[in-house]
Each structure stands twice: as structure tokens, then as C-alpha cells.
mmCIF file of all heavy atoms, coordinates in Angstrom:
data_MODEL
# 
_entry.id   MODEL 
# 
loop_
_atom_site.group_PDB 
_atom_site.id 
_atom_site.type_symbol 
_atom_site.label_atom_id 
_atom_site.label_alt_id 
_atom_site.label_comp_id 
_atom_site.label_asym_id 
_atom_site.label_entity_id 
_atom_site.label_seq_id 
_atom_site.pdbx_PDB_ins_code 
_atom_site.Cartn_x 
_atom_site.Cartn_y 
_atom_site.Cartn_z 
_atom_site.occupancy 
_atom_site.B_iso_or_equiv 
_atom_site.pdbx_formal_charge 
_atom_site.auth_seq_id 
_atom_site.auth_comp_id 
_atom_site.auth_asym_id 
_atom_site.auth_atom_id 
_atom_site.pdbx_PDB_model_num 
ATOM 1   N N   . ALA A 1 1  ? 51.951 82.281 -6.606  1.00 0.00 ? 1  ALA A N   1 
ATOM 2   C CA  . ALA A 1 1  ? 51.028 83.352 -6.481  1.00 0.00 ? 1  ALA A CA  1 
ATOM 3   C C   . ALA A 1 1  ? 50.939 83.928 -5.018  1.00 0.00 ? 1  ALA A C   1 
ATOM 4   O O   . ALA A 1 1  ? 50.869 85.150 -4.799  1.00 0.00 ? 1  ALA A O   1 
ATOM 5   C CB  . ALA A 1 1  ? 49.531 82.939 -6.773  1.00 0.00 ? 1  ALA A CB  1 
ATOM 6   N N   . TYR A 1 2  ? 51.111 83.058 -4.012  1.00 0.00 ? 2  TYR A N   1 
ATOM 7   C CA  . TYR A 1 2  ? 51.107 83.408 -2.701  1.00 0.00 ? 2  TYR A CA  1 
ATOM 8   C C   . TYR A 1 2  ? 52.375 84.158 -2.178  1.00 0.00 ? 2  TYR A C   1 
ATOM 9   O O   . TYR A 1 2  ? 52.364 85.077 -1.424  1.00 0.00 ? 2  TYR A O   1 
ATOM 10  C CB  . TYR A 1 2  ? 50.723 82.234 -1.780  1.00 0.00 ? 2  TYR A CB  1 
ATOM 11  C CG  . TYR A 1 2  ? 49.289 81.751 -1.917  1.00 0.00 ? 2  TYR A CG  1 
ATOM 12  C CD1 . TYR A 1 2  ? 48.974 80.707 -2.749  1.00 0.00 ? 2  TYR A CD1 1 
ATOM 13  C CD2 . TYR A 1 2  ? 48.318 82.386 -1.116  1.00 0.00 ? 2  TYR A CD2 1 
ATOM 14  C CE1 . TYR A 1 2  ? 47.607 80.305 -2.923  1.00 0.00 ? 2  TYR A CE1 1 
ATOM 15  C CE2 . TYR A 1 2  ? 47.053 82.040 -1.302  1.00 0.00 ? 2  TYR A CE2 1 
ATOM 16  C CZ  . TYR A 1 2  ? 46.717 81.034 -2.118  1.00 0.00 ? 2  TYR A CZ  1 
ATOM 17  O OH  . TYR A 1 2  ? 45.358 80.678 -2.245  1.00 0.00 ? 2  TYR A OH  1 
ATOM 18  N N   . ILE A 1 3  ? 53.523 83.595 -2.639  1.00 0.00 ? 3  ILE A N   1 
ATOM 19  C CA  . ILE A 1 3  ? 54.741 84.193 -2.255  1.00 0.00 ? 3  ILE A CA  1 
ATOM 20  C C   . ILE A 1 3  ? 54.995 85.613 -2.994  1.00 0.00 ? 3  ILE A C   1 
ATOM 21  O O   . ILE A 1 3  ? 55.466 86.533 -2.288  1.00 0.00 ? 3  ILE A O   1 
ATOM 22  C CB  . ILE A 1 3  ? 55.988 83.231 -2.498  1.00 0.00 ? 3  ILE A CB  1 
ATOM 23  C CG1 . ILE A 1 3  ? 57.268 83.848 -1.805  1.00 0.00 ? 3  ILE A CG1 1 
ATOM 24  C CG2 . ILE A 1 3  ? 56.240 83.104 -3.939  1.00 0.00 ? 3  ILE A CG2 1 
ATOM 25  C CD1 . ILE A 1 3  ? 57.117 83.917 -0.298  1.00 0.00 ? 3  ILE A CD1 1 
ATOM 26  N N   . ILE A 1 4  ? 54.456 85.699 -4.211  1.00 0.00 ? 4  ILE A N   1 
ATOM 27  C CA  . ILE A 1 4  ? 54.529 86.984 -4.843  1.00 0.00 ? 4  ILE A CA  1 
ATOM 28  C C   . ILE A 1 4  ? 53.659 88.021 -4.130  1.00 0.00 ? 4  ILE A C   1 
ATOM 29  O O   . ILE A 1 4  ? 54.046 89.152 -3.935  1.00 0.00 ? 4  ILE A O   1 
ATOM 30  C CB  . ILE A 1 4  ? 54.111 86.886 -6.305  1.00 0.00 ? 4  ILE A CB  1 
ATOM 31  C CG1 . ILE A 1 4  ? 55.192 86.021 -7.021  1.00 0.00 ? 4  ILE A CG1 1 
ATOM 32  C CG2 . ILE A 1 4  ? 53.979 88.212 -6.926  1.00 0.00 ? 4  ILE A CG2 1 
ATOM 33  C CD1 . ILE A 1 4  ? 56.473 86.620 -7.115  1.00 0.00 ? 4  ILE A CD1 1 
ATOM 34  N N   . ARG A 1 5  ? 52.448 87.561 -3.693  1.00 0.00 ? 5  ARG A N   1 
ATOM 35  C CA  . ARG A 1 5  ? 51.529 88.406 -2.945  1.00 0.00 ? 5  ARG A CA  1 
ATOM 36  C C   . ARG A 1 5  ? 52.245 88.832 -1.659  1.00 0.00 ? 5  ARG A C   1 
ATOM 37  O O   . ARG A 1 5  ? 52.043 90.018 -1.233  1.00 0.00 ? 5  ARG A O   1 
ATOM 38  C CB  . ARG A 1 5  ? 50.238 87.690 -2.799  1.00 0.00 ? 5  ARG A CB  1 
ATOM 39  C CG  . ARG A 1 5  ? 49.179 88.677 -2.091  1.00 0.00 ? 5  ARG A CG  1 
ATOM 40  C CD  . ARG A 1 5  ? 47.866 87.770 -1.935  1.00 0.00 ? 5  ARG A CD  1 
ATOM 41  N NE  . ARG A 1 5  ? 47.440 87.091 -3.132  1.00 0.00 ? 5  ARG A NE  1 
ATOM 42  C CZ  . ARG A 1 5  ? 46.500 86.184 -2.986  1.00 0.00 ? 5  ARG A CZ  1 
ATOM 43  N NH1 . ARG A 1 5  ? 45.881 85.791 -1.949  1.00 0.00 ? 5  ARG A NH1 1 
ATOM 44  N NH2 . ARG A 1 5  ? 46.049 85.632 -4.125  1.00 0.00 ? 5  ARG A NH2 1 
ATOM 45  N N   . TRP A 1 6  ? 52.860 87.851 -0.953  1.00 0.00 ? 6  TRP A N   1 
ATOM 46  C CA  . TRP A 1 6  ? 53.549 88.141 0.269   1.00 0.00 ? 6  TRP A CA  1 
ATOM 47  C C   . TRP A 1 6  ? 54.547 89.310 0.097   1.00 0.00 ? 6  TRP A C   1 
ATOM 48  O O   . TRP A 1 6  ? 54.599 90.212 0.805   1.00 0.00 ? 6  TRP A O   1 
ATOM 49  C CB  . TRP A 1 6  ? 54.163 86.882 0.792   1.00 0.00 ? 6  TRP A CB  1 
ATOM 50  C CG  . TRP A 1 6  ? 55.079 87.005 1.995   1.00 0.00 ? 6  TRP A CG  1 
ATOM 51  C CD1 . TRP A 1 6  ? 56.443 87.200 1.907   1.00 0.00 ? 6  TRP A CD1 1 
ATOM 52  C CD2 . TRP A 1 6  ? 54.762 86.902 3.327   1.00 0.00 ? 6  TRP A CD2 1 
ATOM 53  N NE1 . TRP A 1 6  ? 57.020 87.215 3.259   1.00 0.00 ? 6  TRP A NE1 1 
ATOM 54  C CE2 . TRP A 1 6  ? 55.975 87.122 4.186   1.00 0.00 ? 6  TRP A CE2 1 
ATOM 55  C CE3 . TRP A 1 6  ? 53.549 86.765 4.045   1.00 0.00 ? 6  TRP A CE3 1 
ATOM 56  C CZ2 . TRP A 1 6  ? 56.106 87.062 5.522   1.00 0.00 ? 6  TRP A CZ2 1 
ATOM 57  C CZ3 . TRP A 1 6  ? 53.661 86.717 5.413   1.00 0.00 ? 6  TRP A CZ3 1 
ATOM 58  C CH2 . TRP A 1 6  ? 54.855 86.895 6.191   1.00 0.00 ? 6  TRP A CH2 1 
ATOM 59  N N   . MET A 1 7  ? 55.401 89.195 -0.887  1.00 0.00 ? 7  MET A N   1 
ATOM 60  C CA  . MET A 1 7  ? 56.487 90.135 -1.161  1.00 0.00 ? 7  MET A CA  1 
ATOM 61  C C   . MET A 1 7  ? 55.850 91.494 -1.563  1.00 0.00 ? 7  MET A C   1 
ATOM 62  O O   . MET A 1 7  ? 56.301 92.466 -1.233  1.00 0.00 ? 7  MET A O   1 
ATOM 63  C CB  . MET A 1 7  ? 57.496 89.536 -2.117  1.00 0.00 ? 7  MET A CB  1 
ATOM 64  C CG  . MET A 1 7  ? 58.258 88.422 -1.461  1.00 0.00 ? 7  MET A CG  1 
ATOM 65  S SD  . MET A 1 7  ? 59.617 87.793 -2.553  1.00 0.00 ? 7  MET A SD  1 
ATOM 66  C CE  . MET A 1 7  ? 58.725 87.069 -3.899  1.00 0.00 ? 7  MET A CE  1 
ATOM 67  N N   . ASP A 1 8  ? 54.820 91.430 -2.364  1.00 0.00 ? 8  ASP A N   1 
ATOM 68  C CA  . ASP A 1 8  ? 54.171 92.696 -2.883  1.00 0.00 ? 8  ASP A CA  1 
ATOM 69  C C   . ASP A 1 8  ? 53.595 93.421 -1.726  1.00 0.00 ? 8  ASP A C   1 
ATOM 70  O O   . ASP A 1 8  ? 53.397 94.646 -1.769  1.00 0.00 ? 8  ASP A O   1 
ATOM 71  C CB  . ASP A 1 8  ? 53.122 92.291 -3.934  1.00 0.00 ? 8  ASP A CB  1 
ATOM 72  C CG  . ASP A 1 8  ? 53.709 91.912 -5.204  1.00 0.00 ? 8  ASP A CG  1 
ATOM 73  O OD1 . ASP A 1 8  ? 54.930 92.128 -5.439  1.00 0.00 ? 8  ASP A OD1 1 
ATOM 74  O OD2 . ASP A 1 8  ? 52.977 91.442 -6.149  1.00 0.00 ? 8  ASP A OD2 1 
ATOM 75  N N   . ASP A 1 9  ? 53.281 92.749 -0.629  1.00 0.00 ? 9  ASP A N   1 
ATOM 76  C CA  . ASP A 1 9  ? 52.573 93.353 0.532   1.00 0.00 ? 9  ASP A CA  1 
ATOM 77  C C   . ASP A 1 9  ? 53.659 94.079 1.332   1.00 0.00 ? 9  ASP A C   1 
ATOM 78  O O   . ASP A 1 9  ? 53.359 94.626 2.376   1.00 0.00 ? 9  ASP A O   1 
ATOM 79  C CB  . ASP A 1 9  ? 51.826 92.446 1.419   1.00 0.00 ? 9  ASP A CB  1 
ATOM 80  C CG  . ASP A 1 9  ? 50.515 91.963 0.683   1.00 0.00 ? 9  ASP A CG  1 
ATOM 81  O OD1 . ASP A 1 9  ? 50.141 92.665 -0.214  1.00 0.00 ? 9  ASP A OD1 1 
ATOM 82  O OD2 . ASP A 1 9  ? 49.975 90.987 1.174   1.00 0.00 ? 9  ASP A OD2 1 
ATOM 83  N N   . GLY A 1 10 ? 54.976 93.948 0.959   1.00 0.00 ? 10 GLY A N   1 
ATOM 84  C CA  . GLY A 1 10 ? 55.995 94.654 1.616   1.00 0.00 ? 10 GLY A CA  1 
ATOM 85  C C   . GLY A 1 10 ? 56.814 93.837 2.709   1.00 0.00 ? 10 GLY A C   1 
ATOM 86  O O   . GLY A 1 10 ? 57.733 94.297 3.367   1.00 0.00 ? 10 GLY A O   1 
ATOM 87  N N   . HIS A 1 11 ? 56.540 92.541 2.756   1.00 0.00 ? 11 HIS A N   1 
ATOM 88  C CA  . HIS A 1 11 ? 57.266 91.744 3.579   1.00 0.00 ? 11 HIS A CA  1 
ATOM 89  C C   . HIS A 1 11 ? 58.653 91.392 3.052   1.00 0.00 ? 11 HIS A C   1 
ATOM 90  O O   . HIS A 1 11 ? 58.823 91.181 1.797   1.00 0.00 ? 11 HIS A O   1 
ATOM 91  C CB  . HIS A 1 11 ? 56.583 90.346 3.836   1.00 0.00 ? 11 HIS A CB  1 
ATOM 92  C CG  . HIS A 1 11 ? 55.189 90.476 4.572   1.00 0.00 ? 11 HIS A CG  1 
ATOM 93  N ND1 . HIS A 1 11 ? 55.029 90.813 5.767   1.00 0.00 ? 11 HIS A ND1 1 
ATOM 94  C CD2 . HIS A 1 11 ? 53.958 90.293 3.996   1.00 0.00 ? 11 HIS A CD2 1 
ATOM 95  C CE1 . HIS A 1 11 ? 53.743 90.939 6.080   1.00 0.00 ? 11 HIS A CE1 1 
ATOM 96  N NE2 . HIS A 1 11 ? 53.053 90.543 5.030   1.00 0.00 ? 11 HIS A NE2 1 
ATOM 97  N N   . CYS A 1 12 ? 59.685 91.470 3.959   1.00 0.00 ? 12 CYS A N   1 
ATOM 98  C CA  . CYS A 1 12 ? 61.034 91.163 3.551   1.00 0.00 ? 12 CYS A CA  1 
ATOM 99  C C   . CYS A 1 12 ? 61.659 90.010 4.181   1.00 0.00 ? 12 CYS A C   1 
ATOM 100 O O   . CYS A 1 12 ? 62.897 89.870 4.362   1.00 0.00 ? 12 CYS A O   1 
ATOM 101 C CB  . CYS A 1 12 ? 61.874 92.391 3.680   1.00 0.00 ? 12 CYS A CB  1 
ATOM 102 S SG  . CYS A 1 12 ? 61.871 92.984 5.393   1.00 0.00 ? 12 CYS A SG  1 
ATOM 103 N N   . THR A 1 13 ? 60.850 89.076 4.803   1.00 0.00 ? 13 THR A N   1 
ATOM 104 C CA  . THR A 1 13 ? 61.323 87.845 5.437   1.00 0.00 ? 13 THR A CA  1 
ATOM 105 C C   . THR A 1 13 ? 60.627 86.712 4.772   1.00 0.00 ? 13 THR A C   1 
ATOM 106 O O   . THR A 1 13 ? 59.626 86.741 4.141   1.00 0.00 ? 13 THR A O   1 
ATOM 107 C CB  . THR A 1 13 ? 60.991 87.945 7.002   1.00 0.00 ? 13 THR A CB  1 
ATOM 108 O OG1 . THR A 1 13 ? 59.649 88.046 7.109   1.00 0.00 ? 13 THR A OG1 1 
ATOM 109 C CG2 . THR A 1 13 ? 61.633 89.023 7.709   1.00 0.00 ? 13 THR A CG2 1 
ATOM 110 N N   . CYS A 1 14 ? 61.323 85.578 5.101   1.00 0.00 ? 14 CYS A N   1 
ATOM 111 C CA  . CYS A 1 14 ? 60.760 84.240 4.568   1.00 0.00 ? 14 CYS A CA  1 
ATOM 112 C C   . CYS A 1 14 ? 59.553 83.869 5.539   1.00 0.00 ? 14 CYS A C   1 
ATOM 113 O O   . CYS A 1 14 ? 59.706 83.845 6.779   1.00 0.00 ? 14 CYS A O   1 
ATOM 114 C CB  . CYS A 1 14 ? 61.906 83.191 4.585   1.00 0.00 ? 14 CYS A CB  1 
ATOM 115 S SG  . CYS A 1 14 ? 61.274 81.531 4.290   1.00 0.00 ? 14 CYS A SG  1 
ATOM 116 N N   . PRO A 1 15 ? 58.437 83.709 4.938   1.00 0.00 ? 15 PRO A N   1 
ATOM 117 C CA  . PRO A 1 15 ? 57.244 83.355 5.854   1.00 0.00 ? 15 PRO A CA  1 
ATOM 118 C C   . PRO A 1 15 ? 57.486 82.161 6.770   1.00 0.00 ? 15 PRO A C   1 
ATOM 119 O O   . PRO A 1 15 ? 56.961 82.054 7.802   1.00 0.00 ? 15 PRO A O   1 
ATOM 120 C CB  . PRO A 1 15 ? 56.052 83.067 4.733   1.00 0.00 ? 15 PRO A CB  1 
ATOM 121 C CG  . PRO A 1 15 ? 56.501 83.784 3.522   1.00 0.00 ? 15 PRO A CG  1 
ATOM 122 C CD  . PRO A 1 15 ? 58.070 83.677 3.511   1.00 0.00 ? 15 PRO A CD  1 
ATOM 123 N N   . LYS A 1 16 ? 58.255 81.134 6.260   1.00 0.00 ? 16 LYS A N   1 
ATOM 124 C CA  . LYS A 1 16 ? 58.422 79.928 7.010   1.00 0.00 ? 16 LYS A CA  1 
ATOM 125 C C   . LYS A 1 16 ? 59.554 80.002 8.140   1.00 0.00 ? 16 LYS A C   1 
ATOM 126 O O   . LYS A 1 16 ? 59.401 79.521 9.244   1.00 0.00 ? 16 LYS A O   1 
ATOM 127 C CB  . LYS A 1 16 ? 58.663 78.676 6.071   1.00 0.00 ? 16 LYS A CB  1 
ATOM 128 C CG  . LYS A 1 16 ? 58.677 77.359 6.785   1.00 0.00 ? 16 LYS A CG  1 
ATOM 129 C CD  . LYS A 1 16 ? 58.717 76.194 5.887   1.00 0.00 ? 16 LYS A CD  1 
ATOM 130 C CE  . LYS A 1 16 ? 58.660 74.922 6.565   1.00 0.00 ? 16 LYS A CE  1 
ATOM 131 N NZ  . LYS A 1 16 ? 58.733 73.666 5.606   1.00 0.00 ? 16 LYS A NZ  1 
ATOM 132 N N   . THR A 1 17 ? 60.638 80.547 7.760   1.00 0.00 ? 17 THR A N   1 
ATOM 133 C CA  . THR A 1 17 ? 61.784 80.571 8.545   1.00 0.00 ? 17 THR A CA  1 
ATOM 134 C C   . THR A 1 17 ? 62.045 81.884 9.297   1.00 0.00 ? 17 THR A C   1 
ATOM 135 O O   . THR A 1 17 ? 62.747 81.939 10.276  1.00 0.00 ? 17 THR A O   1 
ATOM 136 C CB  . THR A 1 17 ? 63.159 80.187 7.821   1.00 0.00 ? 17 THR A CB  1 
ATOM 137 O OG1 . THR A 1 17 ? 63.352 81.247 6.848   1.00 0.00 ? 17 THR A OG1 1 
ATOM 138 C CG2 . THR A 1 17 ? 62.866 78.939 7.054   1.00 0.00 ? 17 THR A CG2 1 
ATOM 139 N N   . GLY A 1 18 ? 61.511 83.018 8.708   1.00 0.00 ? 18 GLY A N   1 
ATOM 140 C CA  . GLY A 1 18 ? 61.702 84.262 9.241   1.00 0.00 ? 18 GLY A CA  1 
ATOM 141 C C   . GLY A 1 18 ? 62.979 84.935 8.837   1.00 0.00 ? 18 GLY A C   1 
ATOM 142 O O   . GLY A 1 18 ? 63.320 86.073 9.216   1.00 0.00 ? 18 GLY A O   1 
ATOM 143 N N   . GLN A 1 19 ? 63.826 84.256 8.044   1.00 0.00 ? 19 GLN A N   1 
ATOM 144 C CA  . GLN A 1 19 ? 65.038 84.881 7.487   1.00 0.00 ? 19 GLN A CA  1 
ATOM 145 C C   . GLN A 1 19 ? 64.781 86.101 6.625   1.00 0.00 ? 19 GLN A C   1 
ATOM 146 O O   . GLN A 1 19 ? 63.811 86.104 5.873   1.00 0.00 ? 19 GLN A O   1 
ATOM 147 C CB  . GLN A 1 19 ? 65.908 83.815 6.785   1.00 0.00 ? 19 GLN A CB  1 
ATOM 148 C CG  . GLN A 1 19 ? 66.463 82.656 7.680   1.00 0.00 ? 19 GLN A CG  1 
ATOM 149 C CD  . GLN A 1 19 ? 67.048 81.571 6.735   1.00 0.00 ? 19 GLN A CD  1 
ATOM 150 O OE1 . GLN A 1 19 ? 66.505 80.679 6.336   1.00 0.00 ? 19 GLN A OE1 1 
ATOM 151 N NE2 . GLN A 1 19 ? 68.315 81.793 6.569   1.00 0.00 ? 19 GLN A NE2 1 
ATOM 152 N N   . MET A 1 20 ? 65.735 87.058 6.705   1.00 0.00 ? 20 MET A N   1 
ATOM 153 C CA  . MET A 1 20 ? 65.688 88.269 5.853   1.00 0.00 ? 20 MET A CA  1 
ATOM 154 C C   . MET A 1 20 ? 65.885 87.749 4.454   1.00 0.00 ? 20 MET A C   1 
ATOM 155 O O   . MET A 1 20 ? 66.816 86.950 4.166   1.00 0.00 ? 20 MET A O   1 
ATOM 156 C CB  . MET A 1 20 ? 66.712 89.261 6.288   1.00 0.00 ? 20 MET A CB  1 
ATOM 157 C CG  . MET A 1 20 ? 66.453 89.887 7.677   1.00 0.00 ? 20 MET A CG  1 
ATOM 158 S SD  . MET A 1 20 ? 64.845 90.743 7.709   1.00 0.00 ? 20 MET A SD  1 
ATOM 159 C CE  . MET A 1 20 ? 65.134 92.071 6.592   1.00 0.00 ? 20 MET A CE  1 
ATOM 160 N N   . LEU A 1 21 ? 65.143 88.291 3.406   1.00 0.00 ? 21 LEU A N   1 
ATOM 161 C CA  . LEU A 1 21 ? 65.362 88.001 1.964   1.00 0.00 ? 21 LEU A CA  1 
ATOM 162 C C   . LEU A 1 21 ? 66.420 88.870 1.452   1.00 0.00 ? 21 LEU A C   1 
ATOM 163 O O   . LEU A 1 21 ? 66.248 90.129 1.493   1.00 0.00 ? 21 LEU A O   1 
ATOM 164 C CB  . LEU A 1 21 ? 63.957 88.133 1.279   1.00 0.00 ? 21 LEU A CB  1 
ATOM 165 C CG  . LEU A 1 21 ? 62.805 87.298 1.734   1.00 0.00 ? 21 LEU A CG  1 
ATOM 166 C CD1 . LEU A 1 21 ? 61.649 87.548 0.842   1.00 0.00 ? 21 LEU A CD1 1 
ATOM 167 C CD2 . LEU A 1 21 ? 63.142 85.880 1.609   1.00 0.00 ? 21 LEU A CD2 1 
ATOM 168 N N   . THR A 1 22 ? 67.403 88.103 0.851   1.00 0.00 ? 22 THR A N   1 
ATOM 169 C CA  . THR A 1 22 ? 68.478 89.026 0.202   1.00 0.00 ? 22 THR A CA  1 
ATOM 170 C C   . THR A 1 22 ? 67.979 89.514 -1.160  1.00 0.00 ? 22 THR A C   1 
ATOM 171 O O   . THR A 1 22 ? 68.613 90.536 -1.675  1.00 0.00 ? 22 THR A O   1 
ATOM 172 C CB  . THR A 1 22 ? 69.733 88.142 0.009   1.00 0.00 ? 22 THR A CB  1 
ATOM 173 O OG1 . THR A 1 22 ? 69.356 87.050 -0.755  1.00 0.00 ? 22 THR A OG1 1 
ATOM 174 C CG2 . THR A 1 22 ? 70.267 87.731 1.400   1.00 0.00 ? 22 THR A CG2 1 
ATOM 175 N N   . HIS A 1 23 ? 67.096 88.923 -1.767  1.00 0.00 ? 23 HIS A N   1 
ATOM 176 C CA  . HIS A 1 23 ? 66.529 89.371 -3.026  1.00 0.00 ? 23 HIS A CA  1 
ATOM 177 C C   . HIS A 1 23 ? 65.103 88.736 -3.179  1.00 0.00 ? 23 HIS A C   1 
ATOM 178 O O   . HIS A 1 23 ? 64.759 87.887 -2.395  1.00 0.00 ? 23 HIS A O   1 
ATOM 179 C CB  . HIS A 1 23 ? 67.406 89.007 -4.230  1.00 0.00 ? 23 HIS A CB  1 
ATOM 180 C CG  . HIS A 1 23 ? 67.688 87.424 -4.369  1.00 0.00 ? 23 HIS A CG  1 
ATOM 181 N ND1 . HIS A 1 23 ? 66.653 86.612 -4.933  1.00 0.00 ? 23 HIS A ND1 1 
ATOM 182 C CD2 . HIS A 1 23 ? 68.647 86.747 -4.041  1.00 0.00 ? 23 HIS A CD2 1 
ATOM 183 C CE1 . HIS A 1 23 ? 67.096 85.509 -4.990  1.00 0.00 ? 23 HIS A CE1 1 
ATOM 184 N NE2 . HIS A 1 23 ? 68.293 85.486 -4.420  1.00 0.00 ? 23 HIS A NE2 1 
ATOM 185 N N   . THR A 1 24 ? 64.273 89.241 -4.055  1.00 0.00 ? 24 THR A N   1 
ATOM 186 C CA  . THR A 1 24 ? 62.943 88.764 -4.217  1.00 0.00 ? 24 THR A CA  1 
ATOM 187 C C   . THR A 1 24 ? 62.732 87.921 -5.518  1.00 0.00 ? 24 THR A C   1 
ATOM 188 O O   . THR A 1 24 ? 61.549 87.705 -5.904  1.00 0.00 ? 24 THR A O   1 
ATOM 189 C CB  . THR A 1 24 ? 62.004 90.052 -4.305  1.00 0.00 ? 24 THR A CB  1 
ATOM 190 O OG1 . THR A 1 24 ? 62.369 90.843 -5.358  1.00 0.00 ? 24 THR A OG1 1 
ATOM 191 C CG2 . THR A 1 24 ? 62.027 90.728 -2.936  1.00 0.00 ? 24 THR A CG2 1 
ATOM 192 N N   . ARG A 1 25 ? 63.879 87.461 -6.099  1.00 0.00 ? 25 ARG A N   1 
ATOM 193 C CA  . ARG A 1 25 ? 63.661 86.638 -7.293  1.00 0.00 ? 25 ARG A CA  1 
ATOM 194 C C   . ARG A 1 25 ? 63.192 85.205 -6.848  1.00 0.00 ? 25 ARG A C   1 
ATOM 195 O O   . ARG A 1 25 ? 63.464 84.771 -5.728  1.00 0.00 ? 25 ARG A O   1 
ATOM 196 C CB  . ARG A 1 25 ? 64.950 86.388 -8.030  1.00 0.00 ? 25 ARG A CB  1 
ATOM 197 C CG  . ARG A 1 25 ? 65.505 87.738 -8.628  1.00 0.00 ? 25 ARG A CG  1 
ATOM 198 C CD  . ARG A 1 25 ? 66.568 87.485 -9.553  1.00 0.00 ? 25 ARG A CD  1 
ATOM 199 N NE  . ARG A 1 25 ? 67.792 86.879 -8.782  1.00 0.00 ? 25 ARG A NE  1 
ATOM 200 C CZ  . ARG A 1 25 ? 68.735 87.593 -8.117  1.00 0.00 ? 25 ARG A CZ  1 
ATOM 201 N NH1 . ARG A 1 25 ? 68.642 88.940 -8.147  1.00 0.00 ? 25 ARG A NH1 1 
ATOM 202 N NH2 . ARG A 1 25 ? 69.729 86.975 -7.487  1.00 0.00 ? 25 ARG A NH2 1 
ATOM 203 N N   . VAL A 1 26 ? 62.315 84.581 -7.709  1.00 0.00 ? 26 VAL A N   1 
ATOM 204 C CA  . VAL A 1 26 ? 61.818 83.288 -7.445  1.00 0.00 ? 26 VAL A CA  1 
ATOM 205 C C   . VAL A 1 26 ? 62.270 82.360 -8.581  1.00 0.00 ? 26 VAL A C   1 
ATOM 206 O O   . VAL A 1 26 ? 62.332 82.792 -9.724  1.00 0.00 ? 26 VAL A O   1 
ATOM 207 C CB  . VAL A 1 26 ? 60.302 83.206 -7.258  1.00 0.00 ? 26 VAL A CB  1 
ATOM 208 C CG1 . VAL A 1 26 ? 59.872 84.045 -6.083  1.00 0.00 ? 26 VAL A CG1 1 
ATOM 209 C CG2 . VAL A 1 26 ? 59.567 83.702 -8.549  1.00 0.00 ? 26 VAL A CG2 1 
ATOM 210 N N   . VAL A 1 27 ? 62.585 81.084 -8.197  1.00 0.00 ? 27 VAL A N   1 
ATOM 211 C CA  . VAL A 1 27 ? 62.997 80.104 -9.218  1.00 0.00 ? 27 VAL A CA  1 
ATOM 212 C C   . VAL A 1 27 ? 61.981 78.937 -9.364  1.00 0.00 ? 27 VAL A C   1 
ATOM 213 O O   . VAL A 1 27 ? 61.696 78.446 -8.315  1.00 0.00 ? 27 VAL A O   1 
ATOM 214 C CB  . VAL A 1 27 ? 64.431 79.537 -8.774  1.00 0.00 ? 27 VAL A CB  1 
ATOM 215 C CG1 . VAL A 1 27 ? 64.866 78.543 -9.928  1.00 0.00 ? 27 VAL A CG1 1 
ATOM 216 C CG2 . VAL A 1 27 ? 65.386 80.670 -8.744  1.00 0.00 ? 27 VAL A CG2 1 
ATOM 217 N N   . PRO A 1 28 ? 61.487 78.612 -10.462 1.00 0.00 ? 28 PRO A N   1 
ATOM 218 C CA  . PRO A 1 28 ? 60.495 77.525 -10.580 1.00 0.00 ? 28 PRO A CA  1 
ATOM 219 C C   . PRO A 1 28 ? 61.158 76.261 -10.079 1.00 0.00 ? 28 PRO A C   1 
ATOM 220 O O   . PRO A 1 28 ? 62.302 75.871 -10.343 1.00 0.00 ? 28 PRO A O   1 
ATOM 221 C CB  . PRO A 1 28 ? 60.201 77.464 -12.129 1.00 0.00 ? 28 PRO A CB  1 
ATOM 222 C CG  . PRO A 1 28 ? 60.576 78.915 -12.724 1.00 0.00 ? 28 PRO A CG  1 
ATOM 223 C CD  . PRO A 1 28 ? 61.736 79.264 -11.826 1.00 0.00 ? 28 PRO A CD  1 
ATOM 224 N N   . ASN A 1 29 ? 60.402 75.556 -9.213  1.00 0.00 ? 29 ASN A N   1 
ATOM 225 C CA  . ASN A 1 29 ? 60.801 74.292 -8.685  1.00 0.00 ? 29 ASN A CA  1 
ATOM 226 C C   . ASN A 1 29 ? 60.227 73.121 -9.560  1.00 0.00 ? 29 ASN A C   1 
ATOM 227 O O   . ASN A 1 29 ? 59.128 72.612 -9.223  1.00 0.00 ? 29 ASN A O   1 
ATOM 228 C CB  . ASN A 1 29 ? 60.362 74.079 -7.287  1.00 0.00 ? 29 ASN A CB  1 
ATOM 229 C CG  . ASN A 1 29 ? 61.045 72.976 -6.558  1.00 0.00 ? 29 ASN A CG  1 
ATOM 230 O OD1 . ASN A 1 29 ? 61.397 71.901 -7.139  1.00 0.00 ? 29 ASN A OD1 1 
ATOM 231 N ND2 . ASN A 1 29 ? 61.213 72.960 -5.244  1.00 0.00 ? 29 ASN A ND2 1 
# 
């Protein structure tokens, strides 16, 4: 829920590392 909300807000970086996201797909862990 939180990472989807982060990406929906227009962020294009990883919140923890700051790396640019190459895509916005998420995989269940």
C-alpha cells in the first residue's frame, strides 16, 4: 500500500536507496 502510494504521488526513485526506478511493477515477496 505504501510503495504504490509513493509511486502514485509521482515519485520515480526508490525511497530507501534513491535509485531511479526503471519500471513501477511490484513483485509479491
